[in-house]
Amino acid sequence: MIHKDLTLEEIARQYPAALEVLKRFGLDCLDCQLAAIGSLEHCAEFHELDIEQLLRELNAAVAKG
């Protein structure tokens, strides 16, 4: 399960099905420094995204495979 404390890099590595959702939300910046150290919550705040909606969609994508 994806949670707000994971980094984008961890999500991409552990949950490839989530990549499309990250891209749709404008978080496809995996080469950014923050991708390795910033939490999903931090990235969502920086991009002014609703973290709860993002988490719902990420976890739904992962559940589908």
PDB file of N, CA and C in Angstrom:
ATOM      1  N   MET A   1       0.835  -1.186   0.000  1.00  0.00           N
ATOM      2  CA  MET A   1       0.000   0.000   0.000  1.00  0.00           C
ATOM      3  C   MET A   1       0.880   1.250   0.000  1.00  0.00           C
ATOM      4  N   ILE A   2       0.513   2.182  -0.815  1.00  0.00           N
ATOM      5  CA  ILE A   2       1.240   3.440  -0.898  1.00  0.00           C
ATOM      6  C   ILE A   2       0.734   4.366   0.207  1.00  0.00           C
ATOM      7  N   HIS A   3       1.673   4.993   0.897  1.00  0.00           N
ATOM      8  CA  HIS A   3       1.304   5.956   1.927  1.00  0.00           C
ATOM      9  C   HIS A   3       2.098   7.241   1.726  1.00  0.00           C
ATOM     10  N   LYS A   4       1.697   8.276   2.412  1.00  0.00           N
ATOM     11  CA  LYS A   4       2.229   9.621   2.176  1.00  0.00           C
ATOM     12  C   LYS A   4       3.696   9.796   2.526  1.00  0.00           C
ATOM     13  N   ASP A   5       4.271   8.869   3.286  1.00  0.00           N
ATOM     14  CA  ASP A   5       5.666   9.012   3.693  1.00  0.00           C
ATOM     15  C   ASP A   5       6.668   8.394   2.716  1.00  0.00           C
ATOM     16  N   LEU A   6       6.190   7.667   1.721  1.00  0.00           N
ATOM     17  CA  LEU A   6       7.084   7.097   0.712  1.00  0.00           C
ATOM     18  C   LEU A   6       7.594   8.204  -0.206  1.00  0.00           C
ATOM     19  N   THR A   7       8.777   8.007  -0.757  1.00  0.00           N
ATOM     20  CA  THR A   7       9.295   8.947  -1.749  1.00  0.00           C
ATOM     21  C   THR A   7       8.774   8.538  -3.129  1.00  0.00           C
ATOM     22  N   LEU A   8       8.857   9.449  -4.076  1.00  0.00           N
ATOM     23  CA  LEU A   8       8.454   9.119  -5.446  1.00  0.00           C
ATOM     24  C   LEU A   8       9.320   7.993  -5.995  1.00  0.00           C
ATOM     25  N   GLU A   9      10.589   8.015  -5.655  1.00  0.00           N
ATOM     26  CA  GLU A   9      11.501   6.973  -6.117  1.00  0.00           C
ATOM     27  C   GLU A   9      11.082   5.598  -5.573  1.00  0.00           C
ATOM     28  N   GLU A  10      10.731   5.537  -4.303  1.00  0.00           N
ATOM     29  CA  GLU A  10      10.278   4.272  -3.713  1.00  0.00           C
ATOM     30  C   GLU A  10       8.993   3.786  -4.376  1.00  0.00           C
ATOM     31  N   ILE A  11       8.086   4.705  -4.623  1.00  0.00           N
ATOM     32  CA  ILE A  11       6.811   4.337  -5.258  1.00  0.00           C
ATOM     33  C   ILE A  11       7.062   3.783  -6.651  1.00  0.00           C
ATOM     34  N   ALA A  12       7.879   4.471  -7.430  1.00  0.00           N
ATOM     35  CA  ALA A  12       8.170   4.028  -8.794  1.00  0.00           C
ATOM     36  C   ALA A  12       8.836   2.656  -8.807  1.00  0.00           C
ATOM     37  N   ARG A  13       9.738   2.432  -7.879  1.00  0.00           N
ATOM     38  CA  ARG A  13      10.466   1.165  -7.821  1.00  0.00           C
ATOM     39  C   ARG A  13       9.571   0.013  -7.341  1.00  0.00           C
ATOM     40  N   GLN A  14       8.773   0.257  -6.320  1.00  0.00           N
ATOM     41  CA  GLN A  14       7.974  -0.805  -5.709  1.00  0.00           C
ATOM     42  C   GLN A  14       6.618  -1.012  -6.376  1.00  0.00           C
ATOM     43  N   TYR A  15       6.086   0.036  -7.005  1.00  0.00           N
ATOM     44  CA  TYR A  15       4.730  -0.025  -7.560  1.00  0.00           C
ATOM     45  C   TYR A  15       4.694   0.557  -8.978  1.00  0.00           C
ATOM     46  N   PRO A  16       5.207  -0.147  -9.962  1.00  0.00           N
ATOM     47  CA  PRO A  16       5.237   0.389 -11.328  1.00  0.00           C
ATOM     48  C   PRO A  16       3.852   0.778 -11.865  1.00  0.00           C
ATOM     49  N   ALA A  17       2.807   0.133 -11.378  1.00  0.00           N
ATOM     50  CA  ALA A  17       1.451   0.462 -11.830  1.00  0.00           C
ATOM     51  C   ALA A  17       1.050   1.879 -11.426  1.00  0.00           C
ATOM     52  N   ALA A  18       1.755   2.472 -10.490  1.00  0.00           N
ATOM     53  CA  ALA A  18       1.428   3.813 -10.017  1.00  0.00           C
ATOM     54  C   ALA A  18       2.000   4.912 -10.907  1.00  0.00           C
ATOM     55  N   LEU A  19       2.902   4.560 -11.800  1.00  0.00           N
ATOM     56  CA  LEU A  19       3.576   5.577 -12.618  1.00  0.00           C
ATOM     57  C   LEU A  19       2.608   6.412 -13.451  1.00  0.00           C
ATOM     58  N   GLU A  20       1.598   5.783 -14.009  1.00  0.00           N
ATOM     59  CA  GLU A  20       0.622   6.521 -14.825  1.00  0.00           C
ATOM     60  C   GLU A  20      -0.129   7.553 -13.990  1.00  0.00           C
ATOM     61  N   VAL A  21      -0.473   7.188 -12.764  1.00  0.00           N
ATOM     62  CA  VAL A  21      -1.171   8.132 -11.871  1.00  0.00           C
ATOM     63  C   VAL A  21      -0.246   9.292 -11.516  1.00  0.00           C
ATOM     64  N   LEU A  22       0.988   9.003 -11.184  1.00  0.00           N
ATOM     65  CA  LEU A  22       1.938  10.069 -10.879  1.00  0.00           C
ATOM     66  C   LEU A  22       2.058  11.035 -12.062  1.00  0.00           C
ATOM     67  N   LYS A  23       2.131  10.477 -13.245  1.00  0.00           N
ATOM     68  CA  LYS A  23       2.239  11.302 -14.447  1.00  0.00           C
ATOM     69  C   LYS A  23       0.999  12.179 -14.618  1.00  0.00           C
ATOM     70  N   ARG A  24      -0.170  11.598 -14.422  1.00  0.00           N
ATOM     71  CA  ARG A  24      -1.419  12.342 -14.570  1.00  0.00           C
ATOM     72  C   ARG A  24      -1.509  13.510 -13.582  1.00  0.00           C
ATOM     73  N   PHE A  25      -0.928  13.342 -12.408  1.00  0.00           N
ATOM     74  CA  PHE A  25      -0.935  14.393 -11.394  1.00  0.00           C
ATOM     75  C   PHE A  25       0.242  15.358 -11.533  1.00  0.00           C
ATOM     76  N   GLY A  26       1.070  15.153 -12.558  1.00  0.00           N
ATOM     77  CA  GLY A  26       2.208  16.040 -12.779  1.00  0.00           C
ATOM     78  C   GLY A  26       3.408  15.715 -11.916  1.00  0.00           C
ATOM     79  N   LEU A  27       3.460  14.492 -11.382  1.00  0.00           N
ATOM     80  CA  LEU A  27       4.566  14.082 -10.523  1.00  0.00           C
ATOM     81  C   LEU A  27       5.442  13.057 -11.226  1.00  0.00           C
ATOM     82  N   ASP A  28       5.711  13.270 -12.481  1.00  0.00           N
ATOM     83  CA  ASP A  28       6.552  12.344 -13.243  1.00  0.00           C
ATOM     84  C   ASP A  28       7.997  12.844 -13.290  1.00  0.00           C
ATOM     85  N   CYS A  29       8.375  13.567 -12.268  1.00  0.00           N
ATOM     86  CA  CYS A  29       9.707  14.178 -12.192  1.00  0.00           C
ATOM     87  C   CYS A  29      10.643  13.283 -11.385  1.00  0.00           C
ATOM     88  N   LEU A  30      10.807  12.051 -11.819  1.00  0.00           N
ATOM     89  CA  LEU A  30      11.606  11.090 -11.060  1.00  0.00           C
ATOM     90  C   LEU A  30      13.100  11.384 -11.097  1.00  0.00           C
ATOM     91  N   ASP A  31      13.537  12.264 -11.988  1.00  0.00           N
ATOM     92  CA  ASP A  31      14.950  12.628 -12.016  1.00  0.00           C
ATOM     93  C   ASP A  31      15.237  13.842 -11.130  1.00  0.00           C
ATOM     94  N   CYS A  32      14.208  14.373 -10.511  1.00  0.00           N
ATOM     95  CA  CYS A  32      14.339  15.502  -9.587  1.00  0.00           C
ATOM     96  C   CYS A  32      14.987  15.026  -8.286  1.00  0.00           C
ATOM     97  N   GLN A  33      15.771  15.869  -7.644  1.00  0.00           N
ATOM     98  CA  GLN A  33      16.410  15.532  -6.372  1.00  0.00           C
ATOM     99  C   GLN A  33      15.397  15.099  -5.323  1.00  0.00           C
ATOM    100  N   LEU A  34      14.261  15.765  -5.289  1.00  0.00           N
ATOM    101  CA  LEU A  34      13.261  15.459  -4.268  1.00  0.00           C
ATOM    102  C   LEU A  34      12.624  14.090  -4.450  1.00  0.00           C
ATOM    103  N   ALA A  35      12.698  13.531  -5.634  1.00  0.00           N
ATOM    104  CA  ALA A  35      12.117  12.211  -5.875  1.00  0.00           C
ATOM    105  C   ALA A  35      12.743  11.160  -4.976  1.00  0.00           C
ATOM    106  N   ALA A  36      14.000  11.358  -4.627  1.00  0.00           N
ATOM    107  CA  ALA A  36      14.713  10.389  -3.793  1.00  0.00           C
ATOM    108  C   ALA A  36      14.602  10.681  -2.305  1.00  0.00           C
ATOM    109  N   ILE A  37      14.346  11.935  -1.958  1.00  0.00           N
ATOM    110  CA  ILE A  37      14.362  12.272  -0.529  1.00  0.00           C
ATOM    111  C   ILE A  37      13.068  12.869  -0.003  1.00  0.00           C
ATOM    112  N   GLY A  38      12.267  13.457  -0.885  1.00  0.00           N
ATOM    113  CA  GLY A  38      11.026  14.094  -0.450  1.00  0.00           C
ATOM    114  C   GLY A  38       9.885  13.100  -0.396  1.00  0.00           C
ATOM    115  N   SER A  39       9.062  13.209   0.617  1.00  0.00           N
ATOM    116  CA  SER A  39       7.916  12.310   0.738  1.00  0.00           C
ATOM    117  C   SER A  39       6.852  12.662  -0.298  1.00  0.00           C
ATOM    118  N   LEU A  40       5.974  11.723  -0.552  1.00  0.00           N
ATOM    119  CA  LEU A  40       4.849  11.974  -1.445  1.00  0.00           C
ATOM    120  C   LEU A  40       4.030  13.153  -0.931  1.00  0.00           C
ATOM    121  N   GLU A  41       3.851  13.206   0.377  1.00  0.00           N
ATOM    122  CA  GLU A  41       3.096  14.306   0.975  1.00  0.00           C
ATOM    123  C   GLU A  41       3.765  15.643   0.669  1.00  0.00           C
ATOM    124  N   HIS A  42       5.068  15.718   0.806  1.00  0.00           N
ATOM    125  CA  HIS A  42       5.795  16.958   0.519  1.00  0.00           C
ATOM    126  C   HIS A  42       5.637  17.346  -0.952  1.00  0.00           C
ATOM    127  N   CYS A  43       5.783  16.374  -1.840  1.00  0.00           N
ATOM    128  CA  CYS A  43       5.642  16.648  -3.274  1.00  0.00           C
ATOM    129  C   CYS A  43       4.221  17.120  -3.596  1.00  0.00           C
ATOM    130  N   ALA A  44       3.239  16.508  -2.986  1.00  0.00           N
ATOM    131  CA  ALA A  44       1.847  16.905  -3.217  1.00  0.00           C
ATOM    132  C   ALA A  44       1.614  18.338  -2.732  1.00  0.00           C
ATOM    133  N   GLU A  45       2.140  18.658  -1.561  1.00  0.00           N
ATOM    134  CA  GLU A  45       2.001  20.025  -1.049  1.00  0.00           C
ATOM    135  C   GLU A  45       2.689  21.019  -1.972  1.00  0.00           C
ATOM    136  N   PHE A  46       3.882  20.682  -2.423  1.00  0.00           N
ATOM    137  CA  PHE A  46       4.639  21.572  -3.302  1.00  0.00           C
ATOM    138  C   PHE A  46       3.865  21.855  -4.590  1.00  0.00           C
ATOM    139  N   HIS A  47       3.194  20.834  -5.119  1.00  0.00           N
ATOM    140  CA  HIS A  47       2.442  20.975  -6.375  1.00  0.00           C
ATOM    141  C   HIS A  47       0.968  21.319  -6.139  1.00  0.00           C
ATOM    142  N   GLU A  48       0.619  21.607  -4.865  1.00  0.00           N
ATOM    143  CA  GLU A  48      -0.742  21.990  -4.482  1.00  0.00           C
ATOM    144  C   GLU A  48      -1.768  20.943  -4.896  1.00  0.00           C
ATOM    145  N   LEU A  49      -1.474  19.674  -4.587  1.00  0.00           N
ATOM    146  CA  LEU A  49      -2.360  18.558  -4.910  1.00  0.00           C
ATOM    147  C   LEU A  49      -3.063  18.067  -3.653  1.00  0.00           C
ATOM    148  N   ASP A  50      -4.220  17.476  -3.842  1.00  0.00           N
ATOM    149  CA  ASP A  50      -4.964  16.861  -2.752  1.00  0.00           C
ATOM    150  C   ASP A  50      -4.347  15.497  -2.457  1.00  0.00           C
ATOM    151  N   ILE A  51      -3.656  15.377  -1.337  1.00  0.00           N
ATOM    152  CA  ILE A  51      -2.933  14.147  -1.014  1.00  0.00           C
ATOM    153  C   ILE A  51      -3.870  12.963  -0.851  1.00  0.00           C
ATOM    154  N   GLU A  52      -5.043  13.182  -0.310  1.00  0.00           N
ATOM    155  CA  GLU A  52      -5.986  12.075  -0.109  1.00  0.00           C
ATOM    156  C   GLU A  52      -6.478  11.523  -1.447  1.00  0.00           C
ATOM    157  N   GLN A  53      -6.795  12.400  -2.376  1.00  0.00           N
ATOM    158  CA  GLN A  53      -7.223  11.958  -3.710  1.00  0.00           C
ATOM    159  C   GLN A  53      -6.080  11.238  -4.413  1.00  0.00           C
ATOM    160  N   LEU A  54      -4.894  11.791  -4.305  1.00  0.00           N
ATOM    161  CA  LEU A  54      -3.718  11.182  -4.923  1.00  0.00           C
ATOM    162  C   LEU A  54      -3.489   9.772  -4.372  1.00  0.00           C
ATOM    163  N   LEU A  55      -3.545   9.625  -3.062  1.00  0.00           N
ATOM    164  CA  LEU A  55      -3.357   8.310  -2.441  1.00  0.00           C
ATOM    165  C   LEU A  55      -4.436   7.320  -2.882  1.00  0.00           C
ATOM    166  N   ARG A  56      -5.683   7.775  -2.948  1.00  0.00           N
ATOM    167  CA  ARG A  56      -6.778   6.895  -3.403  1.00  0.00           C
ATOM    168  C   ARG A  56      -6.499   6.377  -4.807  1.00  0.00           C
ATOM    169  N   GLU A  57      -6.123   7.275  -5.693  1.00  0.00           N
ATOM    170  CA  GLU A  57      -5.902   6.885  -7.082  1.00  0.00           C
ATOM    171  C   GLU A  57      -4.646   6.020  -7.238  1.00  0.00           C
ATOM    172  N   LEU A  58      -3.604   6.324  -6.491  1.00  0.00           N
ATOM    173  CA  LEU A  58      -2.397   5.504  -6.549  1.00  0.00           C
ATOM    174  C   LEU A  58      -2.689   4.086  -6.073  1.00  0.00           C
ATOM    175  N   ASN A  59      -3.355   3.964  -4.941  1.00  0.00           N
ATOM    176  CA  ASN A  59      -3.642   2.647  -4.395  1.00  0.00           C
ATOM    177  C   ASN A  59      -4.644   1.880  -5.246  1.00  0.00           C
ATOM    178  N   ALA A  60      -5.571   2.566  -5.891  1.00  0.00           N
ATOM    179  CA  ALA A  60      -6.499   1.896  -6.796  1.00  0.00           C
ATOM    180  C   ALA A  60      -5.743   1.337  -8.011  1.00  0.00           C
ATOM    181  N   ALA A  61      -4.801   2.103  -8.525  1.00  0.00           N
ATOM    182  CA  ALA A  61      -4.001   1.640  -9.666  1.00  0.00           C
ATOM    183  C   ALA A  61      -3.158   0.429  -9.286  1.00  0.00           C
ATOM    184  N   VAL A  62      -2.586   0.451  -8.109  1.00  0.00           N
ATOM    185  CA  VAL A  62      -1.768  -0.666  -7.636  1.00  0.00           C
ATOM    186  C   VAL A  62      -2.639  -1.908  -7.428  1.00  0.00           C
ATOM    187  N   ALA A  63      -3.837  -1.719  -6.901  1.00  0.00           N
ATOM    188  CA  ALA A  63      -4.741  -2.854  -6.668  1.00  0.00           C
ATOM    189  C   ALA A  63      -5.143  -3.529  -7.984  1.00  0.00           C
ATOM    190  N   LYS A  64      -5.295  -2.709  -9.034  1.00  0.00           N
ATOM    191  CA  LYS A  64      -5.650  -3.260 -10.342  1.00  0.00           C
ATOM    192  C   LYS A  64      -4.474  -3.988 -10.980  1.00  0.00           C
ATOM    193  N   GLY A  65      -3.271  -3.578 -10.578  1.00  0.00           N
ATOM    194  CA  GLY A  65      -2.070  -4.207 -11.128  1.00  0.00           C
ATOM    195  C   GLY A  65      -1.584  -3.463 -12.275  1.00  0.00           C
TER     196      GLY A  65
END
